[in-house]
Structures are given as structure tokens and as C-alpha cells.
Amino acid sequence: MKLLENNCPICGKIVRNYGLCSDCFDLIDKDPVFYYDIDGLENLIVSSTYSGIMRKLIIDFKFKGKLAYGEIISEIMIEKLLEKNLSGEILTYVPMHRYRERERGYNQSKILAEDIARKLDLKCEGVFEKVIDTKFQVGLKGHEREENLKDSFKIIKIPEEIIIVDDVITTGSTIRELAKIARASGIKKVTALIAATEIV
């Protein structure tokens, strides 16, 4: 059996499997510098910097419907997750309000979580629901983002330990709100796994 050849979506070089060529993969900053003070969060795992190639992959995946790019992004997230040697956690994801998800057609964080769970033979479950259709976070400052998200999520399932998957972390407001309600509901350990952090 011969593996199908594909082109690297960044530079066009032939690759044996769908994904980035090694040159483009090496250009992604997989050792990001970041600091977020988030109460209730046991561990924050950030896979890359939201710049260059990673930024293009996430934007095309999230807003342009190039869902296959999710597999490339999740591979980078898996590499970082495996360094932590976590076990027992349930993978979950940042939910979208049903109107927003219907409008976009998919939840990018859910796709990433399901792909990671499938590849690592982990459970993936919806732990949170977004009950208020909030304004978009882009353009809002830190305190405005927190106010925008206040009381907009609820818990629908209570595992003992969870890993919340999301694509980009900017101020940490979303993860902060989810960690707060998770711990208040009795979830004992909350970790966040993020594809990329904004450069601040």
C-alpha cells in the first residue's frame, strides 16, 4: 500500500501524509513565553505562539472552514500534552452558544478535543454549556472580557478531573471563568490545553 502524497498547506512541498513539511513545522514557536494567573487551574499547557504559521493554521481552521488543519494543530497540542504525563483526566472543550455554533457550522475547540482524545485513546465529554450568547471577545480589554463572560457558562457534567481544550488564549478570561465554575461544582482538578497564546 502506498501512502497518498499531499502538499504542505504553507509552502506547497510534497509531504507523505497530510500535514506540514518538516521545514514549516520547525518554524512554529513551540516554546511560548506566557504568564496567566488563573485561580482554580492546576496546570496551563500552551502548545505554541499565536504567530506566523500557527496563526495562519488557526485562522483558516476557525474562520475559513479548513477543518483538516485541525489535525495539524492537534498534533502539536498532543506533543505538548504528552510531556506532562497526565492520566485520569477527561478531555472537554470551550463550548459555543448554540446560535453561534449553528452559524459557523462547528465548534473548533470541540473538534480539537475530539481529535486529541481519539489519537490518545482518552474520553472526550461536554462538561460545559454556554447559556448566554455573549459579544465577541475580540477588541475587548481584560476586565471587559471577564464581565462579558460572567455567568455565561454552566456545568452539565462533573468528572473528577478535566482538561479544557481551546484554540487561543489572550487574557485568560474564558479559561478563568470555566475553571471557577468547574471548581465550584466539585471538579477536583482542572487543566487547560491551549493551541496558542497571543504575544503580549
N, C-alpha and C. Protein backbone atom coordinates (compact mmCIF):
# COMPACT_ATOMS: atom_id res chain seq x y z
N MET A 1 0.85 -1.19 0.00
CA MET A 1 0.00 0.00 0.00
C MET A 1 0.89 1.24 0.00
N LYS A 2 0.56 2.22 -0.85
CA LYS A 2 1.36 3.44 -0.94
C LYS A 2 0.60 4.59 -0.29
N LEU A 3 1.29 5.32 0.60
CA LEU A 3 0.65 6.47 1.22
C LEU A 3 0.41 7.55 0.17
N LEU A 4 -0.74 8.17 0.23
CA LEU A 4 -1.03 9.26 -0.70
C LEU A 4 -0.13 10.44 -0.39
N GLU A 5 0.36 11.08 -1.44
CA GLU A 5 1.19 12.26 -1.25
C GLU A 5 0.29 13.49 -1.26
N ASN A 6 0.63 14.46 -0.44
CA ASN A 6 -0.11 15.71 -0.36
C ASN A 6 0.88 16.85 -0.32
N ASN A 7 0.35 18.06 -0.45
CA ASN A 7 1.19 19.24 -0.38
C ASN A 7 1.10 19.90 0.99
N CYS A 8 2.23 20.40 1.46
CA CYS A 8 2.25 21.20 2.67
C CYS A 8 1.37 22.43 2.43
N PRO A 9 0.40 22.72 3.30
CA PRO A 9 -0.51 23.84 3.07
C PRO A 9 0.15 25.20 3.18
N ILE A 10 1.38 25.26 3.67
CA ILE A 10 2.08 26.54 3.81
C ILE A 10 2.99 26.82 2.62
N CYS A 11 3.87 25.86 2.31
CA CYS A 11 4.87 26.14 1.26
C CYS A 11 4.64 25.34 -0.02
N GLY A 12 3.75 24.33 0.03
CA GLY A 12 3.44 23.56 -1.18
C GLY A 12 4.33 22.37 -1.43
N LYS A 13 5.34 22.15 -0.58
CA LYS A 13 6.21 20.98 -0.77
C LYS A 13 5.40 19.70 -0.60
N ILE A 14 5.82 18.65 -1.27
CA ILE A 14 5.15 17.35 -1.15
C ILE A 14 5.45 16.75 0.22
N VAL A 15 4.40 16.26 0.90
CA VAL A 15 4.58 15.54 2.16
C VAL A 15 3.92 14.18 2.02
N ARG A 16 4.40 13.21 2.79
CA ARG A 16 3.88 11.85 2.64
C ARG A 16 2.49 11.70 3.26
N ASN A 17 2.27 12.35 4.36
CA ASN A 17 0.95 12.36 4.98
C ASN A 17 0.43 13.79 4.94
N TYR A 18 -0.88 13.93 5.12
CA TYR A 18 -1.41 15.29 5.16
C TYR A 18 -0.83 16.00 6.37
N GLY A 19 -0.26 17.16 6.16
CA GLY A 19 0.31 17.92 7.27
C GLY A 19 1.36 18.88 6.78
N LEU A 20 2.10 19.46 7.71
CA LEU A 20 3.16 20.39 7.35
C LEU A 20 4.42 19.63 6.96
N CYS A 21 5.21 20.24 6.09
CA CYS A 21 6.54 19.68 5.84
C CYS A 21 7.40 19.96 7.07
N SER A 22 8.53 19.28 7.19
CA SER A 22 9.35 19.42 8.39
C SER A 22 9.91 20.84 8.52
N ASP A 23 10.19 21.50 7.39
CA ASP A 23 10.72 22.86 7.45
C ASP A 23 9.71 23.82 8.05
N CYS A 24 8.45 23.74 7.59
CA CYS A 24 7.41 24.63 8.12
C CYS A 24 7.06 24.28 9.56
N PHE A 25 7.06 22.99 9.87
CA PHE A 25 6.78 22.55 11.24
C PHE A 25 7.81 23.14 12.20
N ASP A 26 9.08 23.16 11.77
CA ASP A 26 10.16 23.67 12.62
C ASP A 26 10.09 25.18 12.83
N LEU A 27 9.36 25.89 11.96
CA LEU A 27 9.24 27.34 12.09
C LEU A 27 8.22 27.76 13.15
N ILE A 28 7.39 26.81 13.62
CA ILE A 28 6.40 27.13 14.65
C ILE A 28 7.10 27.23 16.01
N ASP A 29 6.80 28.31 16.72
CA ASP A 29 7.39 28.51 18.05
C ASP A 29 6.64 27.63 19.05
N LYS A 30 7.24 26.49 19.38
CA LYS A 30 6.59 25.53 20.28
C LYS A 30 7.09 25.65 21.72
N ASP A 31 7.71 26.76 22.01
CA ASP A 31 8.15 27.02 23.39
C ASP A 31 7.75 28.45 23.78
N PRO A 32 6.43 28.70 23.84
CA PRO A 32 5.97 30.08 24.05
C PRO A 32 6.24 30.59 25.46
N VAL A 33 6.47 31.88 25.56
CA VAL A 33 6.62 32.54 26.86
C VAL A 33 5.26 33.14 27.22
N PHE A 34 4.75 32.83 28.40
CA PHE A 34 3.44 33.34 28.79
C PHE A 34 3.33 33.35 30.30
N TYR A 35 2.39 34.16 30.78
CA TYR A 35 2.06 34.15 32.20
C TYR A 35 0.59 34.48 32.37
N TYR A 36 -0.14 33.59 33.00
CA TYR A 36 -1.55 33.82 33.32
C TYR A 36 -1.78 33.39 34.76
N ASP A 37 -2.42 34.24 35.53
CA ASP A 37 -2.75 33.92 36.91
C ASP A 37 -4.23 33.54 36.96
N ILE A 38 -4.50 32.24 36.97
CA ILE A 38 -5.88 31.76 36.88
C ILE A 38 -6.19 30.89 38.09
N ASP A 39 -7.02 31.40 38.98
CA ASP A 39 -7.41 30.65 40.18
C ASP A 39 -8.14 29.37 39.79
N GLY A 40 -7.83 28.30 40.51
CA GLY A 40 -8.53 27.04 40.29
C GLY A 40 -7.94 26.18 39.20
N LEU A 41 -6.97 26.72 38.48
CA LEU A 41 -6.36 25.96 37.38
C LEU A 41 -5.10 25.27 37.88
N GLU A 42 -5.09 23.94 37.77
CA GLU A 42 -3.95 23.15 38.23
C GLU A 42 -2.75 23.32 37.31
N ASN A 43 -3.02 23.34 36.02
CA ASN A 43 -1.94 23.37 35.04
C ASN A 43 -2.43 24.04 33.76
N LEU A 44 -1.58 24.87 33.15
CA LEU A 44 -1.89 25.51 31.87
C LEU A 44 -0.83 25.07 30.88
N ILE A 45 -1.27 24.34 29.86
CA ILE A 45 -0.35 23.82 28.83
C ILE A 45 -0.63 24.58 27.53
N VAL A 46 0.36 25.32 27.06
CA VAL A 46 0.20 26.11 25.84
C VAL A 46 1.20 25.58 24.81
N SER A 47 0.68 25.23 23.63
CA SER A 47 1.49 24.49 22.66
C SER A 47 2.38 25.35 21.77
N SER A 48 1.99 26.62 21.54
CA SER A 48 2.75 27.44 20.61
C SER A 48 2.39 28.92 20.77
N THR A 49 3.11 29.75 20.04
CA THR A 49 2.81 31.17 19.98
C THR A 49 1.86 31.44 18.81
N TYR A 50 0.90 32.30 19.03
CA TYR A 50 -0.09 32.64 18.00
C TYR A 50 0.52 33.65 17.04
N SER A 51 1.38 33.14 16.17
CA SER A 51 2.06 33.99 15.20
C SER A 51 2.47 33.14 14.00
N GLY A 52 2.81 33.80 12.91
CA GLY A 52 3.33 33.12 11.74
C GLY A 52 2.46 31.98 11.24
N ILE A 53 3.07 30.82 11.09
CA ILE A 53 2.39 29.65 10.52
C ILE A 53 1.24 29.19 11.41
N MET A 54 1.46 29.16 12.72
CA MET A 54 0.40 28.69 13.62
C MET A 54 -0.81 29.61 13.55
N ARG A 55 -0.58 30.90 13.47
CA ARG A 55 -1.68 31.86 13.37
C ARG A 55 -2.49 31.61 12.09
N LYS A 56 -1.79 31.38 10.99
CA LYS A 56 -2.48 31.10 9.71
C LYS A 56 -3.30 29.82 9.81
N LEU A 57 -2.72 28.77 10.40
CA LEU A 57 -3.43 27.50 10.53
C LEU A 57 -4.71 27.66 11.36
N ILE A 58 -4.60 28.37 12.48
CA ILE A 58 -5.76 28.54 13.36
C ILE A 58 -6.83 29.40 12.70
N ILE A 59 -6.45 30.49 12.06
CA ILE A 59 -7.44 31.36 11.40
C ILE A 59 -8.16 30.60 10.28
N ASP A 60 -7.41 29.88 9.47
CA ASP A 60 -8.03 29.12 8.37
C ASP A 60 -8.93 28.00 8.89
N PHE A 61 -8.51 27.38 9.99
CA PHE A 61 -9.30 26.32 10.62
C PHE A 61 -10.57 26.88 11.26
N LYS A 62 -10.41 27.97 11.99
CA LYS A 62 -11.50 28.51 12.79
C LYS A 62 -12.52 29.30 11.97
N PHE A 63 -12.04 30.08 11.03
CA PHE A 63 -12.93 31.00 10.33
C PHE A 63 -13.17 30.68 8.86
N LYS A 64 -12.30 29.87 8.26
CA LYS A 64 -12.42 29.62 6.82
C LYS A 64 -12.84 28.19 6.50
N GLY A 65 -13.17 27.41 7.53
CA GLY A 65 -13.71 26.07 7.31
C GLY A 65 -12.70 25.04 6.85
N LYS A 66 -11.40 25.32 6.99
CA LYS A 66 -10.39 24.33 6.58
C LYS A 66 -10.17 23.37 7.76
N LEU A 67 -11.14 22.48 7.93
CA LEU A 67 -11.18 21.64 9.14
C LEU A 67 -10.02 20.65 9.20
N ALA A 68 -9.46 20.30 8.06
CA ALA A 68 -8.33 19.37 8.06
C ALA A 68 -7.12 19.97 8.79
N TYR A 69 -7.05 21.30 8.86
CA TYR A 69 -5.94 21.92 9.58
C TYR A 69 -6.01 21.61 11.06
N GLY A 70 -7.20 21.25 11.55
CA GLY A 70 -7.35 20.87 12.94
C GLY A 70 -6.45 19.71 13.32
N GLU A 71 -6.24 18.79 12.38
CA GLU A 71 -5.37 17.64 12.66
C GLU A 71 -3.92 18.06 12.86
N ILE A 72 -3.49 19.06 12.08
CA ILE A 72 -2.12 19.57 12.25
C ILE A 72 -1.98 20.24 13.60
N ILE A 73 -2.97 21.08 13.94
CA ILE A 73 -2.94 21.80 15.22
C ILE A 73 -2.98 20.81 16.38
N SER A 74 -3.84 19.80 16.28
CA SER A 74 -3.96 18.84 17.39
C SER A 74 -2.68 18.03 17.58
N GLU A 75 -1.96 17.74 16.50
CA GLU A 75 -0.69 17.01 16.63
C GLU A 75 0.31 17.80 17.46
N ILE A 76 0.34 19.12 17.25
CA ILE A 76 1.25 19.98 18.01
C ILE A 76 0.82 20.02 19.48
N MET A 77 -0.49 20.04 19.72
CA MET A 77 -1.01 20.04 21.09
C MET A 77 -0.72 18.71 21.79
N ILE A 78 -0.84 17.62 21.06
CA ILE A 78 -0.56 16.29 21.63
C ILE A 78 0.90 16.19 22.08
N GLU A 79 1.79 16.72 21.25
CA GLU A 79 3.22 16.69 21.57
C GLU A 79 3.47 17.36 22.93
N LYS A 80 2.80 18.48 23.16
CA LYS A 80 2.97 19.22 24.42
C LYS A 80 2.29 18.50 25.58
N LEU A 81 1.13 17.93 25.31
CA LEU A 81 0.38 17.23 26.36
C LEU A 81 1.14 16.01 26.87
N LEU A 82 1.78 15.28 25.96
CA LEU A 82 2.50 14.07 26.34
C LEU A 82 3.69 14.36 27.25
N GLU A 83 4.22 15.58 27.17
CA GLU A 83 5.34 15.96 28.05
C GLU A 83 4.91 15.98 29.52
N LYS A 84 3.60 16.18 29.76
CA LYS A 84 3.11 16.35 31.13
C LYS A 84 2.74 15.02 31.80
N ASN A 85 2.63 13.96 31.03
CA ASN A 85 2.34 12.63 31.59
C ASN A 85 1.09 12.63 32.47
N LEU A 86 0.02 13.27 31.97
CA LEU A 86 -1.23 13.32 32.72
C LEU A 86 -2.02 12.04 32.51
N SER A 87 -2.83 11.67 33.50
CA SER A 87 -3.68 10.49 33.35
C SER A 87 -4.93 10.67 34.19
N GLY A 88 -6.01 10.06 33.76
CA GLY A 88 -7.25 10.11 34.52
C GLY A 88 -8.17 11.25 34.16
N GLU A 89 -7.64 12.23 33.41
CA GLU A 89 -8.46 13.38 33.06
C GLU A 89 -9.41 13.09 31.91
N ILE A 90 -10.53 13.76 31.92
CA ILE A 90 -11.48 13.75 30.80
C ILE A 90 -11.20 14.98 29.95
N LEU A 91 -11.04 14.80 28.66
CA LEU A 91 -10.89 15.95 27.77
C LEU A 91 -12.25 16.59 27.56
N THR A 92 -12.29 17.91 27.62
CA THR A 92 -13.50 18.65 27.30
C THR A 92 -13.09 19.88 26.50
N TYR A 93 -13.99 20.81 26.30
CA TYR A 93 -13.70 21.92 25.38
C TYR A 93 -14.52 23.15 25.77
N VAL A 94 -14.08 24.29 25.27
CA VAL A 94 -14.82 25.53 25.48
C VAL A 94 -16.05 25.49 24.58
N PRO A 95 -17.25 25.58 25.16
CA PRO A 95 -18.45 25.48 24.33
C PRO A 95 -18.77 26.80 23.63
N MET A 96 -19.49 26.71 22.54
CA MET A 96 -20.06 27.89 21.88
C MET A 96 -21.55 27.92 22.16
N HIS A 97 -22.13 29.10 22.16
CA HIS A 97 -23.59 29.17 22.25
C HIS A 97 -24.17 28.51 21.02
N ARG A 98 -25.31 27.86 21.18
CA ARG A 98 -25.87 27.06 20.07
C ARG A 98 -26.13 27.90 18.83
N TYR A 99 -26.48 29.18 18.99
CA TYR A 99 -26.70 30.03 17.82
C TYR A 99 -25.41 30.28 17.06
N ARG A 100 -24.35 30.54 17.81
CA ARG A 100 -23.04 30.79 17.18
C ARG A 100 -22.52 29.53 16.48
N GLU A 101 -22.70 28.38 17.15
CA GLU A 101 -22.21 27.13 16.56
C GLU A 101 -23.00 26.79 15.30
N ARG A 102 -24.30 27.04 15.34
CA ARG A 102 -25.12 26.79 14.16
C ARG A 102 -24.70 27.70 13.01
N GLU A 103 -24.36 28.94 13.34
CA GLU A 103 -23.95 29.92 12.33
C GLU A 103 -22.63 29.52 11.68
N ARG A 104 -21.65 29.11 12.51
CA ARG A 104 -20.34 28.70 11.99
C ARG A 104 -20.38 27.31 11.39
N GLY A 105 -21.20 26.44 11.98
CA GLY A 105 -21.30 25.08 11.48
C GLY A 105 -20.50 24.08 12.27
N TYR A 106 -19.68 24.54 13.20
CA TYR A 106 -18.84 23.65 14.01
C TYR A 106 -18.24 24.45 15.14
N ASN A 107 -17.76 23.72 16.17
CA ASN A 107 -17.02 24.31 17.28
C ASN A 107 -15.58 23.83 17.15
N GLN A 108 -14.68 24.75 16.84
CA GLN A 108 -13.29 24.37 16.58
C GLN A 108 -12.63 23.73 17.80
N SER A 109 -12.97 24.18 19.00
CA SER A 109 -12.37 23.61 20.21
C SER A 109 -12.84 22.18 20.43
N LYS A 110 -14.09 21.92 20.11
CA LYS A 110 -14.63 20.56 20.22
C LYS A 110 -13.94 19.62 19.23
N ILE A 111 -13.71 20.10 18.01
CA ILE A 111 -13.03 19.28 17.00
C ILE A 111 -11.62 18.92 17.48
N LEU A 112 -10.90 19.90 18.03
CA LEU A 112 -9.55 19.64 18.53
C LEU A 112 -9.58 18.63 19.67
N ALA A 113 -10.51 18.82 20.61
CA ALA A 113 -10.60 17.92 21.77
C ALA A 113 -10.91 16.49 21.33
N GLU A 114 -11.86 16.35 20.41
CA GLU A 114 -12.24 15.01 19.94
C GLU A 114 -11.10 14.34 19.20
N ASP A 115 -10.35 15.12 18.41
CA ASP A 115 -9.23 14.55 17.65
C ASP A 115 -8.12 14.10 18.60
N ILE A 116 -7.80 14.93 19.59
CA ILE A 116 -6.77 14.57 20.57
C ILE A 116 -7.20 13.33 21.35
N ALA A 117 -8.46 13.31 21.78
CA ALA A 117 -8.97 12.16 22.55
C ALA A 117 -8.89 10.87 21.73
N ARG A 118 -9.25 10.96 20.48
CA ARG A 118 -9.23 9.77 19.61
C ARG A 118 -7.80 9.25 19.44
N LYS A 119 -6.86 10.16 19.24
CA LYS A 119 -5.48 9.75 18.99
C LYS A 119 -4.79 9.22 20.26
N LEU A 120 -5.24 9.68 21.42
CA LEU A 120 -4.61 9.25 22.67
C LEU A 120 -5.46 8.25 23.45
N ASP A 121 -6.58 7.84 22.85
CA ASP A 121 -7.49 6.89 23.48
C ASP A 121 -7.97 7.40 24.84
N LEU A 122 -8.40 8.67 24.85
CA LEU A 122 -8.95 9.28 26.05
C LEU A 122 -10.44 9.54 25.85
N LYS A 123 -11.15 9.83 26.93
CA LYS A 123 -12.55 10.19 26.83
C LYS A 123 -12.67 11.68 26.54
N CYS A 124 -13.65 12.04 25.71
CA CYS A 124 -13.96 13.44 25.45
C CYS A 124 -15.45 13.64 25.74
N GLU A 125 -15.76 14.57 26.63
CA GLU A 125 -17.15 14.81 27.01
C GLU A 125 -17.43 16.30 27.10
N GLY A 126 -18.67 16.68 26.81
CA GLY A 126 -19.09 18.06 27.02
C GLY A 126 -19.37 18.27 28.49
N VAL A 127 -18.55 19.10 29.14
CA VAL A 127 -18.70 19.37 30.56
C VAL A 127 -19.42 20.70 30.79
N PHE A 128 -19.25 21.62 29.85
CA PHE A 128 -19.82 22.96 29.97
C PHE A 128 -20.84 23.23 28.87
N GLU A 129 -21.75 24.15 29.16
CA GLU A 129 -22.68 24.66 28.15
C GLU A 129 -22.66 26.17 28.22
N LYS A 130 -22.66 26.81 27.06
CA LYS A 130 -22.74 28.28 27.04
C LYS A 130 -24.20 28.67 26.95
N VAL A 131 -24.69 29.34 27.97
CA VAL A 131 -26.12 29.61 28.08
C VAL A 131 -26.48 31.05 27.70
N ILE A 132 -25.48 31.92 27.60
CA ILE A 132 -25.71 33.31 27.19
C ILE A 132 -24.89 33.58 25.94
N ASP A 133 -25.53 34.12 24.92
CA ASP A 133 -24.84 34.45 23.67
C ASP A 133 -24.14 35.79 23.84
N THR A 134 -22.90 35.74 24.30
CA THR A 134 -22.15 36.96 24.62
C THR A 134 -21.60 37.63 23.37
N LYS A 135 -21.13 38.86 23.56
CA LYS A 135 -20.46 39.58 22.48
C LYS A 135 -19.15 38.87 22.16
N PHE A 136 -18.63 39.08 20.92
CA PHE A 136 -17.32 38.55 20.59
C PHE A 136 -16.27 39.19 21.49
N GLN A 137 -15.27 38.40 21.89
CA GLN A 137 -14.24 38.87 22.80
C GLN A 137 -13.20 39.76 22.11
N VAL A 138 -13.06 39.61 20.79
CA VAL A 138 -12.05 40.37 20.06
C VAL A 138 -12.30 41.87 20.23
N GLY A 139 -11.25 42.59 20.61
CA GLY A 139 -11.38 44.04 20.77
C GLY A 139 -11.70 44.48 22.18
N LEU A 140 -12.12 43.52 23.05
CA LEU A 140 -12.43 43.86 24.44
C LEU A 140 -11.17 43.77 25.29
N LYS A 141 -11.06 44.64 26.28
CA LYS A 141 -9.93 44.60 27.20
C LYS A 141 -10.18 43.53 28.26
N GLY A 142 -9.15 43.25 29.07
CA GLY A 142 -9.22 42.16 30.03
C GLY A 142 -10.43 42.18 30.93
N HIS A 143 -10.68 43.32 31.61
CA HIS A 143 -11.82 43.38 32.53
C HIS A 143 -13.15 43.34 31.78
N GLU A 144 -13.16 43.88 30.54
CA GLU A 144 -14.38 43.84 29.72
C GLU A 144 -14.68 42.40 29.28
N ARG A 145 -13.63 41.64 28.99
CA ARG A 145 -13.81 40.23 28.61
C ARG A 145 -14.40 39.43 29.77
N GLU A 146 -13.89 39.68 30.97
CA GLU A 146 -14.38 38.95 32.14
C GLU A 146 -15.84 39.29 32.43
N GLU A 147 -16.18 40.56 32.30
CA GLU A 147 -17.56 40.99 32.54
C GLU A 147 -18.48 40.40 31.47
N ASN A 148 -17.99 40.35 30.24
CA ASN A 148 -18.76 39.81 29.12
C ASN A 148 -19.11 38.34 29.33
N LEU A 149 -18.18 37.59 29.95
CA LEU A 149 -18.36 36.15 30.12
C LEU A 149 -19.02 35.74 31.43
N LYS A 150 -19.17 36.69 32.34
CA LYS A 150 -19.69 36.36 33.67
C LYS A 150 -21.06 35.68 33.58
N ASP A 151 -21.17 34.53 34.23
CA ASP A 151 -22.41 33.75 34.30
C ASP A 151 -22.92 33.28 32.94
N SER A 152 -22.04 33.23 31.94
CA SER A 152 -22.49 32.81 30.60
C SER A 152 -22.35 31.31 30.37
N PHE A 153 -21.68 30.60 31.30
CA PHE A 153 -21.50 29.15 31.18
C PHE A 153 -22.18 28.44 32.35
N LYS A 154 -22.53 27.18 32.12
CA LYS A 154 -22.98 26.33 33.23
C LYS A 154 -22.38 24.94 33.08
N ILE A 155 -22.32 24.22 34.18
CA ILE A 155 -21.79 22.85 34.21
C ILE A 155 -22.92 21.88 33.86
N ILE A 156 -22.63 20.93 32.98
CA ILE A 156 -23.63 19.91 32.65
C ILE A 156 -23.17 18.49 33.03
N LYS A 157 -21.89 18.38 33.42
CA LYS A 157 -21.35 17.08 33.84
C LYS A 157 -20.19 17.35 34.80
N ILE A 158 -20.01 16.47 35.78
CA ILE A 158 -18.98 16.72 36.80
C ILE A 158 -18.03 15.52 36.93
N PRO A 159 -17.04 15.41 36.03
CA PRO A 159 -15.99 14.41 36.22
C PRO A 159 -15.06 14.87 37.35
N GLU A 160 -14.18 14.01 37.81
CA GLU A 160 -13.25 14.39 38.88
C GLU A 160 -12.14 15.29 38.36
N GLU A 161 -11.64 14.98 37.15
CA GLU A 161 -10.51 15.72 36.60
C GLU A 161 -10.77 16.01 35.12
N ILE A 162 -10.49 17.24 34.70
CA ILE A 162 -10.74 17.60 33.30
C ILE A 162 -9.55 18.35 32.70
N ILE A 163 -9.46 18.25 31.38
CA ILE A 163 -8.55 19.08 30.59
C ILE A 163 -9.42 19.86 29.61
N ILE A 164 -9.43 21.19 29.75
CA ILE A 164 -10.22 22.04 28.86
C ILE A 164 -9.38 22.40 27.65
N VAL A 165 -9.88 22.08 26.46
CA VAL A 165 -9.17 22.35 25.21
C VAL A 165 -9.72 23.63 24.57
N ASP A 166 -8.82 24.50 24.11
CA ASP A 166 -9.22 25.69 23.37
C ASP A 166 -8.14 26.03 22.35
N ASP A 167 -8.48 26.92 21.40
CA ASP A 167 -7.54 27.23 20.34
C ASP A 167 -6.55 28.34 20.71
N VAL A 168 -7.05 29.46 21.22
CA VAL A 168 -6.17 30.59 21.52
C VAL A 168 -6.50 31.16 22.89
N ILE A 169 -5.47 31.51 23.65
CA ILE A 169 -5.65 32.21 24.92
C ILE A 169 -5.06 33.61 24.77
N THR A 170 -5.85 34.62 25.15
CA THR A 170 -5.40 36.01 25.03
C THR A 170 -5.21 36.62 26.42
N THR A 171 -6.31 36.85 27.13
CA THR A 171 -6.21 37.36 28.50
C THR A 171 -6.44 36.26 29.54
N GLY A 172 -6.98 35.12 29.10
CA GLY A 172 -7.28 34.03 30.03
C GLY A 172 -8.68 34.11 30.61
N SER A 173 -9.50 35.06 30.14
CA SER A 173 -10.83 35.27 30.73
C SER A 173 -11.73 34.05 30.59
N THR A 174 -11.72 33.41 29.44
CA THR A 174 -12.60 32.26 29.21
C THR A 174 -12.22 31.10 30.12
N ILE A 175 -10.94 30.75 30.14
CA ILE A 175 -10.47 29.65 30.98
C ILE A 175 -10.68 29.98 32.45
N ARG A 176 -10.47 31.24 32.81
CA ARG A 176 -10.69 31.67 34.20
C ARG A 176 -12.13 31.43 34.64
N GLU A 177 -13.08 31.79 33.79
CA GLU A 177 -14.49 31.60 34.11
C GLU A 177 -14.85 30.12 34.19
N LEU A 178 -14.34 29.32 33.26
CA LEU A 178 -14.63 27.88 33.26
C LEU A 178 -13.99 27.19 34.47
N ALA A 179 -12.76 27.56 34.79
CA ALA A 179 -12.09 26.97 35.96
C ALA A 179 -12.85 27.31 37.23
N LYS A 180 -13.35 28.52 37.32
CA LYS A 180 -14.08 28.96 38.52
C LYS A 180 -15.34 28.13 38.73
N ILE A 181 -16.14 27.97 37.68
CA ILE A 181 -17.39 27.23 37.86
C ILE A 181 -17.13 25.73 37.99
N ALA A 182 -16.04 25.25 37.37
CA ALA A 182 -15.70 23.82 37.49
C ALA A 182 -15.34 23.48 38.93
N ARG A 183 -14.48 24.29 39.54
CA ARG A 183 -14.07 24.02 40.92
C ARG A 183 -15.23 24.21 41.89
N ALA A 184 -16.07 25.21 41.61
CA ALA A 184 -17.23 25.45 42.48
C ALA A 184 -18.22 24.29 42.42
N SER A 185 -18.25 23.57 41.30
CA SER A 185 -19.18 22.46 41.14
C SER A 185 -18.66 21.16 41.76
N GLY A 186 -17.37 21.15 42.14
CA GLY A 186 -16.81 19.95 42.76
C GLY A 186 -15.79 19.21 41.92
N ILE A 187 -15.47 19.71 40.72
CA ILE A 187 -14.41 19.09 39.91
C ILE A 187 -13.08 19.35 40.63
N LYS A 188 -12.33 18.28 40.87
CA LYS A 188 -11.17 18.38 41.76
C LYS A 188 -9.91 18.92 41.07
N LYS A 189 -9.76 18.64 39.79
CA LYS A 189 -8.54 19.05 39.10
C LYS A 189 -8.90 19.59 37.72
N VAL A 190 -8.45 20.80 37.44
CA VAL A 190 -8.74 21.46 36.16
C VAL A 190 -7.43 21.84 35.49
N THR A 191 -7.21 21.32 34.29
CA THR A 191 -6.06 21.66 33.46
C THR A 191 -6.59 22.28 32.18
N ALA A 192 -5.84 23.18 31.58
CA ALA A 192 -6.22 23.74 30.28
C ALA A 192 -5.13 23.42 29.26
N LEU A 193 -5.54 23.01 28.08
CA LEU A 193 -4.62 22.72 26.97
C LEU A 193 -5.00 23.64 25.82
N ILE A 194 -4.10 24.55 25.48
CA ILE A 194 -4.37 25.59 24.51
C ILE A 194 -3.44 25.45 23.31
N ALA A 195 -3.96 25.66 22.11
CA ALA A 195 -3.13 25.55 20.92
C ALA A 195 -2.09 26.66 20.86
N ALA A 196 -2.49 27.90 21.17
CA ALA A 196 -1.55 29.01 21.02
C ALA A 196 -1.89 30.15 21.96
N THR A 197 -0.85 30.89 22.34
CA THR A 197 -1.03 32.09 23.15
C THR A 197 -0.70 33.34 22.34
N GLU A 198 -1.51 34.37 22.51
CA GLU A 198 -1.21 35.66 21.90
C GLU A 198 0.11 36.17 22.43
N ILE A 199 0.84 36.91 21.62
CA ILE A 199 2.08 37.54 22.08
C ILE A 199 1.69 38.79 22.85
N VAL A 200 2.06 38.86 24.11
CA VAL A 200 1.70 40.02 24.94
C VAL A 200 2.95 40.73 25.45
